[in-house]
PDB file of N, CA and C in Angstrom:
ATOM      1  N   MET A   1       0.919  -1.157  -0.010  1.00  0.00           N
ATOM      2  CA  MET A   1       0.052   0.122  -0.105  1.00  0.00           C
ATOM      3  C   MET A   1       0.864   1.273  -0.074  1.00  0.00           C
ATOM      4  N   THR A   2       1.854   1.212   0.878  1.00  0.00           N
ATOM      5  CA  THR A   2       2.794   2.522   0.945  1.00  0.00           C
ATOM      6  C   THR A   2       3.412   2.668  -0.361  1.00  0.00           C
ATOM      7  N   HIS A   3       3.759   1.344  -1.071  1.00  0.00           N
ATOM      8  CA  HIS A   3       4.413   1.669  -2.271  1.00  0.00           C
ATOM      9  C   HIS A   3       3.546   2.365  -3.643  1.00  0.00           C
ATOM     10  N   LEU A   4       2.159   1.974  -3.428  1.00  0.00           N
ATOM     11  CA  LEU A   4       1.167   2.795  -4.210  1.00  0.00           C
ATOM     12  C   LEU A   4       0.987   3.971  -3.798  1.00  0.00           C
ATOM     13  N   ALA A   5       1.047   4.303  -2.637  1.00  0.00           N
ATOM     14  CA  ALA A   5       0.726   5.658  -2.262  1.00  0.00           C
ATOM     15  C   ALA A   5       1.981   6.525  -2.663  1.00  0.00           C
ATOM     16  N   ARG A   6       3.046   5.934  -2.585  1.00  0.00           N
ATOM     17  CA  ARG A   6       4.288   6.769  -2.990  1.00  0.00           C
ATOM     18  C   ARG A   6       4.469   7.087  -4.612  1.00  0.00           C
ATOM     19  N   ILE A   7       3.859   6.227  -5.165  1.00  0.00           N
ATOM     20  CA  ILE A   7       3.809   6.373  -6.813  1.00  0.00           C
ATOM     21  C   ILE A   7       2.755   7.227  -7.089  1.00  0.00           C
ATOM     22  N   ASP A   8       1.661   7.288  -6.274  1.00  0.00           N
ATOM     23  CA  ASP A   8       0.593   8.179  -6.509  1.00  0.00           C
ATOM     24  C   ASP A   8       0.764   9.696  -6.148  1.00  0.00           C
ATOM     25  N   GLU A   9       1.579   9.683  -5.081  1.00  0.00           N
ATOM     26  CA  GLU A   9       2.129  11.085  -4.498  1.00  0.00           C
ATOM     27  C   GLU A   9       3.161  11.665  -5.585  1.00  0.00           C
ATOM     28  N   ALA A  10       3.950  10.869  -6.308  1.00  0.00           N
ATOM     29  CA  ALA A  10       5.096  11.250  -7.071  1.00  0.00           C
ATOM     30  C   ALA A  10       4.177  11.991  -8.352  1.00  0.00           C
ATOM     31  N   ARG A  11       3.144  11.047  -9.074  1.00  0.00           N
ATOM     32  CA  ARG A  11       2.413  11.403  -9.931  1.00  0.00           C
ATOM     33  C   ARG A  11       1.751  12.846  -9.674  1.00  0.00           C
ATOM     34  N   HIS A  12       1.115  13.017  -8.532  1.00  0.00           N
ATOM     35  CA  HIS A  12       0.745  14.266  -8.078  1.00  0.00           C
ATOM     36  C   HIS A  12       1.492  15.433  -8.135  1.00  0.00           C
ATOM     37  N   VAL A  13       2.649  15.290  -7.634  1.00  0.00           N
ATOM     38  CA  VAL A  13       3.708  16.308  -7.470  1.00  0.00           C
ATOM     39  C   VAL A  13       4.168  16.568  -8.906  1.00  0.00           C
ATOM     40  N   ALA A  14       4.322  15.673  -9.738  1.00  0.00           N
ATOM     41  CA  ALA A  14       5.037  15.712 -11.163  1.00  0.00           C
ATOM     42  C   ALA A  14       3.686  16.432 -11.750  1.00  0.00           C
ATOM     43  N   PHE A  15       2.504  16.406 -11.760  1.00  0.00           N
ATOM     44  CA  PHE A  15       1.609  17.015 -12.259  1.00  0.00           C
ATOM     45  C   PHE A  15       1.344  18.331 -11.970  1.00  0.00           C
ATOM     46  N   GLY A  16       1.292  18.605 -10.516  1.00  0.00           N
ATOM     47  CA  GLY A  16       1.377  19.977 -10.120  1.00  0.00           C
ATOM     48  C   GLY A  16       2.629  20.779 -10.526  1.00  0.00           C
ATOM     49  N   VAL A  17       3.804  20.257 -10.558  1.00  0.00           N
ATOM     50  CA  VAL A  17       5.088  20.985 -11.153  1.00  0.00           C
ATOM     51  C   VAL A  17       4.817  21.515 -12.380  1.00  0.00           C
ATOM     52  N   ALA A  18       4.143  20.335 -13.097  1.00  0.00           N
ATOM     53  CA  ALA A  18       4.285  20.601 -14.677  1.00  0.00           C
ATOM     54  C   ALA A  18       3.254  21.616 -14.965  1.00  0.00           C
ATOM     55  N   HIS A  19       2.147  21.692 -14.321  1.00  0.00           N
ATOM     56  CA  HIS A  19       0.999  22.786 -14.170  1.00  0.00           C
ATOM     57  C   HIS A  19       1.567  24.112 -13.942  1.00  0.00           C
ATOM     58  N   LEU A  20       2.312  24.394 -13.009  1.00  0.00           N
ATOM     59  CA  LEU A  20       2.804  25.407 -12.486  1.00  0.00           C
ATOM     60  C   LEU A  20       3.947  25.805 -13.500  1.00  0.00           C
ATOM     61  N   GLU A  21       4.680  25.046 -14.045  1.00  0.00           N
ATOM     62  CA  GLU A  21       5.695  25.347 -15.157  1.00  0.00           C
ATOM     63  C   GLU A  21       4.848  25.943 -16.385  1.00  0.00           C
ATOM     64  N   HIS A  22       3.945  25.462 -16.837  1.00  0.00           N
ATOM     65  CA  HIS A  22       3.048  25.748 -17.894  1.00  0.00           C
ATOM     66  C   HIS A  22       2.489  27.425 -17.542  1.00  0.00           C
ATOM     67  N   GLN A  23       2.097  27.381 -16.306  1.00  0.00           N
ATOM     68  CA  GLN A  23       1.245  28.548 -16.026  1.00  0.00           C
ATOM     69  C   GLN A  23       2.460  29.640 -15.945  1.00  0.00           C
ATOM     70  N   GLY A  24       3.706  29.195 -15.313  1.00  0.00           N
ATOM     71  CA  GLY A  24       4.754  30.566 -15.398  1.00  0.00           C
ATOM     72  C   GLY A  24       5.204  30.807 -16.559  1.00  0.00           C
ATOM     73  N   ARG A  25       5.139  29.915 -17.856  1.00  0.00           N
ATOM     74  CA  ARG A  25       5.497  30.563 -19.074  1.00  0.00           C
ATOM     75  C   ARG A  25       4.408  31.530 -19.433  1.00  0.00           C
ATOM     76  N   ARG A  26       2.831  31.436 -18.919  1.00  0.00           N
ATOM     77  CA  ARG A  26       2.266  32.407 -19.234  1.00  0.00           C
ATOM     78  C   ARG A  26       1.846  33.591 -18.456  1.00  0.00           C
ATOM     79  N   ASP A  27       2.652  33.512 -17.187  1.00  0.00           N
ATOM     80  CA  ASP A  27       2.652  34.489 -16.251  1.00  0.00           C
ATOM     81  C   ASP A  27       3.816  34.797 -15.790  1.00  0.00           C
ATOM     82  N   PRO A  28       4.586  35.527 -16.117  1.00  0.00           N
ATOM     83  CA  PRO A  28       6.172  35.947 -15.575  1.00  0.00           C
ATOM     84  C   PRO A  28       5.873  36.371 -14.112  1.00  0.00           C
ATOM     85  N   THR A  29       4.829  36.720 -13.704  1.00  0.00           N
ATOM     86  CA  THR A  29       4.724  36.970 -12.114  1.00  0.00           C
ATOM     87  C   THR A  29       4.407  35.922 -11.304  1.00  0.00           C
ATOM     88  N   LEU A  30       4.356  34.835 -11.748  1.00  0.00           N
ATOM     89  CA  LEU A  30       3.996  33.560 -10.897  1.00  0.00           C
ATOM     90  C   LEU A  30       5.101  33.216  -9.979  1.00  0.00           C
ATOM     91  N   PRO A  31       6.559  33.390  -9.969  1.00  0.00           N
ATOM     92  CA  PRO A  31       7.315  32.914  -9.340  1.00  0.00           C
ATOM     93  C   PRO A  31       7.040  33.854  -8.102  1.00  0.00           C
ATOM     94  N   GLY A  32       6.955  35.025  -8.117  1.00  0.00           N
ATOM     95  CA  GLY A  32       6.819  36.075  -7.182  1.00  0.00           C
ATOM     96  C   GLY A  32       5.378  35.713  -6.017  1.00  0.00           C
ATOM     97  N   LYS A  33       4.450  35.292  -7.017  1.00  0.00           N
ATOM     98  CA  LYS A  33       3.132  34.980  -6.247  1.00  0.00           C
ATOM     99  C   LYS A  33       3.604  33.536  -5.326  1.00  0.00           C
ATOM    100  N   LEU A  34       4.262  32.627  -6.047  1.00  0.00           N
ATOM    101  CA  LEU A  34       4.370  31.377  -5.253  1.00  0.00           C
ATOM    102  C   LEU A  34       5.321  31.708  -4.201  1.00  0.00           C
ATOM    103  N   ARG A  35       6.174  32.299  -4.381  1.00  0.00           N
ATOM    104  CA  ARG A  35       7.219  32.893  -3.160  1.00  0.00           C
ATOM    105  C   ARG A  35       6.157  33.669  -1.938  1.00  0.00           C
ATOM    106  N   ALA A  36       5.528  34.373  -2.493  1.00  0.00           N
ATOM    107  CA  ALA A  36       4.543  35.023  -1.389  1.00  0.00           C
ATOM    108  C   ALA A  36       3.280  33.844  -0.787  1.00  0.00           C
ATOM    109  N   ALA A  37       2.960  33.012  -1.502  1.00  0.00           N
ATOM    110  CA  ALA A  37       2.139  32.075  -1.095  1.00  0.00           C
ATOM    111  C   ALA A  37       3.060  31.169  -0.117  1.00  0.00           C
ATOM    112  N   ILE A  38       4.165  30.572  -0.277  1.00  0.00           N
ATOM    113  CA  ILE A  38       5.158  29.837   0.461  1.00  0.00           C
ATOM    114  C   ILE A  38       5.492  30.681   2.016  1.00  0.00           C
ATOM    115  N   GLU A  39       5.518  31.958   1.607  1.00  0.00           N
ATOM    116  CA  GLU A  39       6.027  32.690   3.026  1.00  0.00           C
ATOM    117  C   GLU A  39       4.834  32.755   3.759  1.00  0.00           C
ATOM    118  N   ARG A  40       3.633  33.003   3.124  1.00  0.00           N
ATOM    119  CA  ARG A  40       2.384  33.137   4.075  1.00  0.00           C
ATOM    120  C   ARG A  40       1.905  31.758   4.548  1.00  0.00           C
ATOM    121  N   ARG A  41       2.075  30.759   4.012  1.00  0.00           N
ATOM    122  CA  ARG A  41       1.979  29.332   4.475  1.00  0.00           C
ATOM    123  C   ARG A  41       2.837  29.129   5.710  1.00  0.00           C
ATOM    124  N   HIS A  42       4.112  29.613   5.521  1.00  0.00           N
ATOM    125  CA  HIS A  42       5.011  29.259   6.824  1.00  0.00           C
ATOM    126  C   HIS A  42       4.771  30.322   7.994  1.00  0.00           C
ATOM    127  N   ASP A  43       4.486  31.359   7.473  1.00  0.00           N
ATOM    128  CA  ASP A  43       4.159  32.187   8.573  1.00  0.00           C
ATOM    129  C   ASP A  43       2.799  31.828   9.557  1.00  0.00           C
ATOM    130  N   ALA A  44       1.724  31.287   8.618  1.00  0.00           N
ATOM    131  CA  ALA A  44       0.605  30.644   9.302  1.00  0.00           C
ATOM    132  C   ALA A  44       0.921  29.306  10.121  1.00  0.00           C
ATOM    133  N   LEU A  45       1.903  28.738   9.691  1.00  0.00           N
ATOM    134  CA  LEU A  45       2.206  27.363  10.306  1.00  0.00           C
ATOM    135  C   LEU A  45       3.676  27.559  11.002  1.00  0.00           C
ATOM    136  N   VAL A  46       4.130  28.511  11.550  1.00  0.00           N
ATOM    137  CA  VAL A  46       5.309  28.927  11.893  1.00  0.00           C
ATOM    138  C   VAL A  46       5.840  28.000  13.171  1.00  0.00           C
ATOM    139  N   ASP A  47       5.030  27.725  13.961  1.00  0.00           N
ATOM    140  CA  ASP A  47       4.862  26.866  15.100  1.00  0.00           C
ATOM    141  C   ASP A  47       5.115  25.251  14.631  1.00  0.00           C
ATOM    142  N   THR A  48       4.872  24.970  13.430  1.00  0.00           N
ATOM    143  CA  THR A  48       5.261  23.628  13.021  1.00  0.00           C
ATOM    144  C   THR A  48       6.206  23.553  11.809  1.00  0.00           C
ATOM    145  N   ALA A  49       7.355  24.395  11.769  1.00  0.00           N
ATOM    146  CA  ALA A  49       8.320  24.540  10.878  1.00  0.00           C
ATOM    147  C   ALA A  49       9.265  23.805  11.215  1.00  0.00           C
ATOM    148  N   GLY A  50      10.124  23.312  10.695  1.00  0.00           N
ATOM    149  CA  GLY A  50      11.290  22.138  10.995  1.00  0.00           C
ATOM    150  C   GLY A  50      10.735  20.896  11.069  1.00  0.00           C
ATOM    151  N   LEU A  51      11.655  19.853  11.551  1.00  0.00           N
ATOM    152  CA  LEU A  51      11.061  18.750  11.819  1.00  0.00           C
ATOM    153  C   LEU A  51      11.086  18.466  13.074  1.00  0.00           C
ATOM    154  N   ASN A  52       9.765  17.834  13.580  1.00  0.00           N
ATOM    155  CA  ASN A  52       9.602  17.933  15.063  1.00  0.00           C
ATOM    156  C   ASN A  52      10.568  16.720  15.667  1.00  0.00           C
ATOM    157  N   ALA A  53      10.868  16.877  16.963  1.00  0.00           N
ATOM    158  CA  ALA A  53      11.879  15.779  17.526  1.00  0.00           C
ATOM    159  C   ALA A  53      11.071  14.473  17.625  1.00  0.00           C
ATOM    160  N   ASP A  54       9.745  14.393  18.078  1.00  0.00           N
ATOM    161  CA  ASP A  54       8.901  13.218  18.315  1.00  0.00           C
ATOM    162  C   ASP A  54       8.952  12.455  16.894  1.00  0.00           C
ATOM    163  N   VAL A  55       8.609  13.349  15.815  1.00  0.00           N
ATOM    164  CA  VAL A  55       8.492  12.861  14.531  1.00  0.00           C
ATOM    165  C   VAL A  55      10.043  12.081  14.054  1.00  0.00           C
ATOM    166  N   PHE A  56      10.739  12.811  14.198  1.00  0.00           N
ATOM    167  CA  PHE A  56      12.154  12.678  14.015  1.00  0.00           C
ATOM    168  C   PHE A  56      12.739  11.165  14.671  1.00  0.00           C
ATOM    169  N   ASP A  57      12.377  11.162  15.948  1.00  0.00           N
ATOM    170  CA  ASP A  57      12.724   9.794  16.650  1.00  0.00           C
ATOM    171  C   ASP A  57      11.694   8.830  16.169  1.00  0.00           C
ATOM    172  N   ALA A  58      10.410   8.835  15.870  1.00  0.00           N
ATOM    173  CA  ALA A  58       9.570   7.812  15.374  1.00  0.00           C
ATOM    174  C   ALA A  58      10.130   7.521  14.040  1.00  0.00           C
ATOM    175  N   LEU A  59      10.553   8.339  13.278  1.00  0.00           N
ATOM    176  CA  LEU A  59      11.088   8.046  12.066  1.00  0.00           C
ATOM    177  C   LEU A  59      12.499   6.913  12.017  1.00  0.00           C
ATOM    178  N   VAL A  60      13.411   7.785  13.124  1.00  0.00           N
ATOM    179  CA  VAL A  60      14.553   6.969  13.351  1.00  0.00           C
ATOM    180  C   VAL A  60      13.908   5.173  13.844  1.00  0.00           C
ATOM    181  N   VAL A  61      13.363   5.037  14.697  1.00  0.00           N
ATOM    182  CA  VAL A  61      12.852   3.769  15.290  1.00  0.00           C
ATOM    183  C   VAL A  61      12.199   2.868  13.905  1.00  0.00           C
ATOM    184  N   LEU A  62      11.301   3.652  13.330  1.00  0.00           N
ATOM    185  CA  LEU A  62      10.837   2.791  11.914  1.00  0.00           C
ATOM    186  C   LEU A  62      11.972   2.495  10.960  1.00  0.00           C
ATOM    187  N   ALA A  63      12.829   3.445  10.930  1.00  0.00           N
ATOM    188  CA  ALA A  63      13.955   2.896   9.551  1.00  0.00           C
ATOM    189  C   ALA A  63      14.932   1.960  10.323  1.00  0.00           C
ATOM    190  N   ALA A  64      15.206   2.232  11.671  1.00  0.00           N
ATOM    191  CA  ALA A  64      16.058   1.065  12.384  1.00  0.00           C
ATOM    192  C   ALA A  64      15.474  -0.258  12.060  1.00  0.00           C
ATOM    193  N   GLY A  65      14.079  -0.541  12.571  1.00  0.00           N
ATOM    194  CA  GLY A  65      13.602  -1.864  12.348  1.00  0.00           C
ATOM    195  C   GLY A  65      14.070  -2.754  13.572  1.00  0.00           C
ATOM    196  N   ASP A  66      14.717  -2.166  14.552  1.00  0.00           N
ATOM    197  CA  ASP A  66      15.371  -2.714  15.719  1.00  0.00           C
ATOM    198  C   ASP A  66      15.950  -1.814  16.792  1.00  0.00           C
ATOM    199  N   TRP A  67      16.089  -2.403  17.846  1.00  0.00           N
ATOM    200  CA  TRP A  67      16.432  -1.676  19.229  1.00  0.00           C
ATOM    201  C   TRP A  67      17.682  -1.469  19.365  1.00  0.00           C
ATOM    202  N   THR A  68      18.701  -2.297  18.671  1.00  0.00           N
ATOM    203  CA  THR A  68      20.117  -2.275  18.907  1.00  0.00           C
ATOM    204  C   THR A  68      20.695  -0.672  18.393  1.00  0.00           C
ATOM    205  N   PRO A  69      21.649  -0.459  19.199  1.00  0.00           N
ATOM    206  CA  PRO A  69      22.532   0.663  18.758  1.00  0.00           C
ATOM    207  C   PRO A  69      22.983   0.836  17.593  1.00  0.00           C
ATOM    208  N   GLU A  70      23.301  -0.411  17.087  1.00  0.00           N
ATOM    209  CA  GLU A  70      23.356  -0.140  15.540  1.00  0.00           C
ATOM    210  C   GLU A  70      22.640   0.094  14.524  1.00  0.00           C
ATOM    211  N   ALA A  71      21.365  -0.644  14.896  1.00  0.00           N
ATOM    212  CA  ALA A  71      20.231  -0.548  13.889  1.00  0.00           C
ATOM    213  C   ALA A  71      19.772   1.140  14.141  1.00  0.00           C
ATOM    214  N   ILE A  72      19.553   1.661  15.352  1.00  0.00           N
ATOM    215  CA  ILE A  72      19.242   2.979  16.066  1.00  0.00           C
ATOM    216  C   ILE A  72      20.039   3.733  14.942  1.00  0.00           C
ATOM    217  N   ALA A  73      21.482   3.823  14.840  1.00  0.00           N
ATOM    218  CA  ALA A  73      22.344   4.599  14.041  1.00  0.00           C
ATOM    219  C   ALA A  73      22.218   4.325  12.559  1.00  0.00           C
ATOM    220  N   ARG A  74      21.936   3.375  12.169  1.00  0.00           N
ATOM    221  CA  ARG A  74      21.178   3.139  10.743  1.00  0.00           C
ATOM    222  C   ARG A  74      20.191   3.947  10.374  1.00  0.00           C
ATOM    223  N   GLY A  75      19.209   3.948  11.283  1.00  0.00           N
ATOM    224  CA  GLY A  75      17.918   4.654  11.170  1.00  0.00           C
ATOM    225  C   GLY A  75      18.075   6.108  11.324  1.00  0.00           C
ATOM    226  N   HIS A  76      19.054   6.472  11.938  1.00  0.00           N
ATOM    227  CA  HIS A  76      19.238   7.766  12.138  1.00  0.00           C
ATOM    228  C   HIS A  76      19.871   8.341  10.683  1.00  0.00           C
ATOM    229  N   ASP A  77      20.741   7.698  10.327  1.00  0.00           N
ATOM    230  CA  ASP A  77      21.505   7.853   8.832  1.00  0.00           C
ATOM    231  C   ASP A  77      20.354   7.926   7.703  1.00  0.00           C
ATOM    232  N   ALA A  78      19.458   7.072   7.826  1.00  0.00           N
ATOM    233  CA  ALA A  78      18.438   6.830   7.005  1.00  0.00           C
ATOM    234  C   ALA A  78      17.557   8.005   6.870  1.00  0.00           C
ATOM    235  N   VAL A  79      17.139   8.576   8.278  1.00  0.00           N
ATOM    236  CA  VAL A  79      16.222   9.489   8.243  1.00  0.00           C
ATOM    237  C   VAL A  79      16.899  11.058   7.904  1.00  0.00           C
ATOM    238  N   GLN A  80      18.314  11.168   8.264  1.00  0.00           N
ATOM    239  CA  GLN A  80      19.195  11.941   7.635  1.00  0.00           C
ATOM    240  C   GLN A  80      18.785  12.162   6.184  1.00  0.00           C
ATOM    241  N   ASP A  81      19.364  11.056   5.559  1.00  0.00           N
ATOM    242  CA  ASP A  81      19.316  10.930   4.056  1.00  0.00           C
ATOM    243  C   ASP A  81      18.041  11.132   3.283  1.00  0.00           C
ATOM    244  N   LEU A  82      16.936  10.863   4.040  1.00  0.00           N
ATOM    245  CA  LEU A  82      15.436  11.273   3.448  1.00  0.00           C
ATOM    246  C   LEU A  82      15.245  12.688   3.671  1.00  0.00           C
ATOM    247  N   HIS A  83      15.806  13.220   4.815  1.00  0.00           N
ATOM    248  CA  HIS A  83      15.626  14.879   4.999  1.00  0.00           C
ATOM    249  C   HIS A  83      16.261  15.417   3.926  1.00  0.00           C
ATOM    250  N   HIS A  84      17.563  15.172   3.540  1.00  0.00           N
ATOM    251  CA  HIS A  84      18.415  15.656   2.470  1.00  0.00           C
ATOM    252  C   HIS A  84      17.617  15.518   1.109  1.00  0.00           C
ATOM    253  N   ALA A  85      17.178  14.331   0.977  1.00  0.00           N
ATOM    254  CA  ALA A  85      16.731  14.071  -0.483  1.00  0.00           C
ATOM    255  C   ALA A  85      15.613  14.742  -0.540  1.00  0.00           C
ATOM    256  N   MET A  86      14.871  14.850   0.445  1.00  0.00           N
ATOM    257  CA  MET A  86      13.411  15.967   0.388  1.00  0.00           C
ATOM    258  C   MET A  86      13.555  17.055   0.021  1.00  0.00           C
ATOM    259  N   ASP A  87      14.732  17.821   0.656  1.00  0.00           N
ATOM    260  CA  ASP A  87      15.465  19.206   0.367  1.00  0.00           C
ATOM    261  C   ASP A  87      15.662  19.206  -1.206  1.00  0.00           C
ATOM    262  N   ASP A  88      16.479  18.229  -1.383  1.00  0.00           N
ATOM    263  CA  ASP A  88      17.077  18.480  -2.730  1.00  0.00           C
ATOM    264  C   ASP A  88      15.885  18.331  -3.662  1.00  0.00           C
ATOM    265  N   GLY A  89      14.861  17.562  -3.375  1.00  0.00           N
ATOM    266  CA  GLY A  89      13.571  17.443  -4.387  1.00  0.00           C
ATOM    267  C   GLY A  89      12.961  18.761  -4.663  1.00  0.00           C
ATOM    268  N   ARG A  90      12.760  19.389  -3.270  1.00  0.00           N
ATOM    269  CA  ARG A  90      12.177  20.682  -3.288  1.00  0.00           C
ATOM    270  C   ARG A  90      12.914  21.861  -3.886  1.00  0.00           C
ATOM    271  N   ARG A  91      14.290  21.712  -3.666  1.00  0.00           N
ATOM    272  CA  ARG A  91      15.163  22.814  -4.312  1.00  0.00           C
ATOM    273  C   ARG A  91      14.761  22.689  -5.976  1.00  0.00           C
ATOM    274  N   GLN A  92      15.226  21.299  -6.452  1.00  0.00           N
ATOM    275  CA  GLN A  92      15.047  21.182  -7.790  1.00  0.00           C
ATOM    276  C   GLN A  92      13.521  21.273  -8.347  1.00  0.00           C
ATOM    277  N   ARG A  93      12.774  21.108  -7.521  1.00  0.00           N
ATOM    278  CA  ARG A  93      11.260  21.420  -8.283  1.00  0.00           C
ATOM    279  C   ARG A  93      11.160  23.125  -8.382  1.00  0.00           C
ATOM    280  N   LEU A  94      11.604  23.709  -7.294  1.00  0.00           N
ATOM    281  CA  LEU A  94      11.521  25.374  -7.344  1.00  0.00           C
ATOM    282  C   LEU A  94      12.556  25.806  -8.367  1.00  0.00           C
ATOM    283  N   ALA A  95      13.546  25.199  -8.637  1.00  0.00           N
ATOM    284  CA  ALA A  95      14.552  25.544  -9.638  1.00  0.00           C
ATOM    285  C   ALA A  95      13.918  25.450 -11.235  1.00  0.00           C
ATOM    286  N   ARG A  96      13.111  24.413 -11.316  1.00  0.00           N
ATOM    287  CA  ARG A  96      12.407  23.898 -12.491  1.00  0.00           C
ATOM    288  C   ARG A  96      11.284  24.998 -12.596  1.00  0.00           C
ATOM    289  N   LEU A  97      10.861  25.861 -11.542  1.00  0.00           N
ATOM    290  CA  LEU A  97       9.969  26.994 -11.972  1.00  0.00           C
ATOM    291  C   LEU A  97      10.439  28.270 -11.914  1.00  0.00           C
ATOM    292  N   GLY A  98      11.772  28.268 -12.036  1.00  0.00           N
ATOM    293  CA  GLY A  98      12.585  29.584 -12.231  1.00  0.00           C
ATOM    294  C   GLY A  98      13.160  30.095 -11.210  1.00  0.00           C
ATOM    295  N   PHE A  99      13.141  29.420 -10.019  1.00  0.00           N
ATOM    296  CA  PHE A  99      13.885  30.083  -8.690  1.00  0.00           C
ATOM    297  C   PHE A  99      15.514  29.914  -8.926  1.00  0.00           C
ATOM    298  N   PRO A 100      16.117  31.028  -8.698  1.00  0.00           N
ATOM    299  CA  PRO A 100      17.519  30.751  -8.709  1.00  0.00           C
ATOM    300  C   PRO A 100      18.098  29.722  -7.650  1.00  0.00           C
ATOM    301  N   PRO A 101      19.112  29.088  -7.414  1.00  0.00           N
ATOM    302  CA  PRO A 101      19.663  28.042  -6.218  1.00  0.00           C
ATOM    303  C   PRO A 101      19.337  28.698  -5.086  1.00  0.00           C
ATOM    304  N   ASP A 102      19.694  30.072  -4.814  1.00  0.00           N
ATOM    305  CA  ASP A 102      19.878  30.672  -3.449  1.00  0.00           C
ATOM    306  C   ASP A 102      18.518  30.755  -3.097  1.00  0.00           C
ATOM    307  N   GLU A 103      17.568  31.193  -3.775  1.00  0.00           N
ATOM    308  CA  GLU A 103      16.050  31.370  -3.461  1.00  0.00           C
ATOM    309  C   GLU A 103      15.324  30.288  -3.288  1.00  0.00           C
ATOM    310  N   ALA A 104      15.864  29.065  -4.084  1.00  0.00           N
ATOM    311  CA  ALA A 104      15.058  27.780  -3.853  1.00  0.00           C
ATOM    312  C   ALA A 104      15.505  27.261  -2.604  1.00  0.00           C
ATOM    313  N   ALA A 105      16.746  27.412  -2.242  1.00  0.00           N
ATOM    314  CA  ALA A 105      17.275  26.899  -0.973  1.00  0.00           C
ATOM    315  C   ALA A 105      16.462  27.598   0.350  1.00  0.00           C
ATOM    316  N   GLU A 106      16.499  28.832   0.078  1.00  0.00           N
ATOM    317  CA  GLU A 106      15.768  29.645   1.122  1.00  0.00           C
ATOM    318  C   GLU A 106      14.225  29.223   1.311  1.00  0.00           C
ATOM    319  N   LEU A 107      13.543  29.037   0.321  1.00  0.00           N
ATOM    320  CA  LEU A 107      12.017  28.689   0.134  1.00  0.00           C
ATOM    321  C   LEU A 107      11.893  27.135   0.375  1.00  0.00           C
ATOM    322  N   SER A 108      12.863  26.334   0.315  1.00  0.00           N
ATOM    323  CA  SER A 108      12.857  25.022   0.352  1.00  0.00           C
ATOM    324  C   SER A 108      12.892  24.700   2.115  1.00  0.00           C
ATOM    325  N   ALA A 109      13.869  25.534   2.852  1.00  0.00           N
ATOM    326  CA  ALA A 109      13.864  25.613   4.293  1.00  0.00           C
ATOM    327  C   ALA A 109      12.694  26.051   5.005  1.00  0.00           C
ATOM    328  N   LEU A 110      11.635  26.534   4.331  1.00  0.00           N
ATOM    329  CA  LEU A 110      10.531  26.714   5.078  1.00  0.00           C
ATOM    330  C   LEU A 110       9.438  25.631   5.096  1.00  0.00           C
ATOM    331  N   HIS A 111       9.858  24.367   5.152  1.00  0.00           N
ATOM    332  CA  HIS A 111       9.013  23.259   5.033  1.00  0.00           C
ATOM    333  C   HIS A 111       8.334  23.184   6.410  1.00  0.00           C
ATOM    334  N   THR A 112       7.307  22.360   6.735  1.00  0.00           N
ATOM    335  CA  THR A 112       6.517  22.135   7.735  1.00  0.00           C
ATOM    336  C   THR A 112       7.014  20.611   8.284  1.00  0.00           C
ATOM    337  N   ARG A 113       6.465  20.499   9.416  1.00  0.00           N
ATOM    338  CA  ARG A 113       7.019  19.315  10.294  1.00  0.00           C
ATOM    339  C   ARG A 113       6.830  17.898   9.380  1.00  0.00           C
ATOM    340  N   ASN A 114       5.743  17.963   8.510  1.00  0.00           N
ATOM    341  CA  ASN A 114       5.678  16.726   7.878  1.00  0.00           C
ATOM    342  C   ASN A 114       6.131  16.845   6.493  1.00  0.00           C
ATOM    343  N   PHE A 115       7.184  17.454   6.335  1.00  0.00           N
ATOM    344  CA  PHE A 115       8.441  17.701   5.161  1.00  0.00           C
ATOM    345  C   PHE A 115       7.633  18.245   3.946  1.00  0.00           C
ATOM    346  N   MET A 116       6.396  19.051   4.149  1.00  0.00           N
ATOM    347  CA  MET A 116       5.699  19.376   3.105  1.00  0.00           C
ATOM    348  C   MET A 116       6.302  20.916   2.466  1.00  0.00           C
TER     349      MET A 116
END
């Protein structure tokens, strides 16, 4: 089920980015509007910005699959890798929409606790 959900989410994100890319070609003011929307969302959810320690710990345990120190260390590394991969993905999608790398990094950093 999670595999299918991941495929569906990837399709959903790809469609959304393609749609915004198309709209951006028609409306050169779109990047500014997107930036404003991202910042408004962040401001509204400022108390949820960043990865919550409880969620981080739960992800580590899930990724570890065991309670041994070695497994927990592997789980920690896996969650860090996921965090970096998701940041890279957000940056790439923002760059695809026309944001320069520094601005894409800044906007990507405004994600919420659920990595969105």
